[in-house]
Amino acid sequence: MSVQIVFVHGIRTSATMWRSQLEFLADQGIPAVAVDLPGHGTRMNEDFTLHEACLLYTSPSPRDLST
């Protein structure tokens, strides 16, 4: 079984804050992704509501910022 690390940012930031961690983990061969919450980063135009935040967990795949 493979383990993947998921990074989630705080308020007023975006998934880009995890770039150095993603690079380090990629160099170690450890799969990791960073996601943007609604209303932040690449999802700036989405409302940040509980409903929109929950959709994050039902989407097919989070954005992989490791590349």
Protein backbone atom coordinates (compact mmCIF):
# COMPACT_ATOMS: atom_id res chain seq x y z
CA MET A 1 0.00 0.00 0.00
CA SER A 2 1.30 3.46 -0.96
CA VAL A 3 0.94 6.45 1.34
CA GLN A 4 0.47 9.93 -0.10
CA ILE A 5 0.86 13.16 1.84
CA VAL A 6 -1.75 15.90 1.33
CA PHE A 7 -0.92 19.48 2.31
CA VAL A 8 -3.75 21.93 3.03
CA HIS A 9 -3.02 25.63 3.55
CA GLY A 10 -4.52 28.02 6.05
CA ILE A 11 -6.59 31.15 5.51
CA ARG A 12 -5.25 33.84 3.12
CA THR A 13 -2.64 31.56 1.56
CA SER A 14 -2.61 28.95 -1.20
CA ALA A 15 -1.16 25.57 -2.07
CA THR A 16 1.95 27.30 -3.41
CA MET A 17 3.17 27.74 0.18
CA TRP A 18 4.05 24.02 0.15
CA ARG A 19 6.33 24.10 -2.93
CA SER A 20 9.61 23.48 -1.08
CA GLN A 21 8.08 20.64 0.96
CA LEU A 22 6.68 19.07 -2.22
CA GLU A 23 10.09 19.33 -3.91
CA PHE A 24 11.86 17.75 -0.93
CA LEU A 25 9.37 14.87 -0.72
CA ALA A 26 9.54 14.30 -4.49
CA ASP A 27 13.34 14.05 -4.22
CA GLN A 28 12.82 11.38 -1.54
CA GLY A 29 10.36 9.48 -3.74
CA ILE A 30 7.44 10.24 -1.44
CA PRO A 31 4.17 11.12 -3.24
CA ALA A 32 2.62 14.37 -2.04
CA VAL A 33 0.11 16.94 -3.27
CA ALA A 34 -0.99 20.39 -2.16
CA VAL A 35 -4.56 21.53 -2.68
CA ASP A 36 -6.20 24.94 -2.88
CA LEU A 37 -9.31 25.46 -0.80
CA PRO A 38 -12.24 27.27 -2.43
CA GLY A 39 -11.64 31.01 -2.48
CA HIS A 40 -7.84 30.61 -2.46
CA GLY A 41 -5.05 30.28 -5.05
CA THR A 42 -6.21 28.65 -8.28
CA ARG A 43 -9.74 28.48 -6.84
CA MET A 44 -9.97 32.21 -6.04
CA ASN A 45 -13.22 32.63 -8.01
CA GLU A 46 -15.06 29.99 -5.96
CA ASP A 47 -17.04 30.83 -2.85
CA PHE A 48 -15.45 29.60 0.36
CA THR A 49 -18.42 27.84 1.93
CA LEU A 50 -18.71 24.60 3.86
CA HIS A 51 -20.38 23.04 0.80
CA GLU A 52 -17.56 24.14 -1.54
CA ALA A 53 -14.89 23.00 0.95
CA CYS A 54 -16.51 19.55 1.18
CA LEU A 55 -16.46 19.22 -2.62
CA LEU A 56 -12.66 19.22 -2.34
CA TYR A 57 -12.82 15.74 -0.81
CA THR A 58 -15.13 14.33 -3.48
CA SER A 59 -13.20 15.59 -6.53
CA PRO A 60 -11.41 12.93 -8.63
CA SER A 61 -7.89 14.20 -7.93
CA PRO A 62 -6.38 17.21 -6.18
CA ARG A 63 -4.03 19.51 -8.05
CA ASP A 64 -0.50 18.18 -7.94
CA LEU A 65 1.85 21.11 -7.47
CA SER A 66 4.96 18.97 -7.23
CA THR A 67 5.91 19.65 -10.86
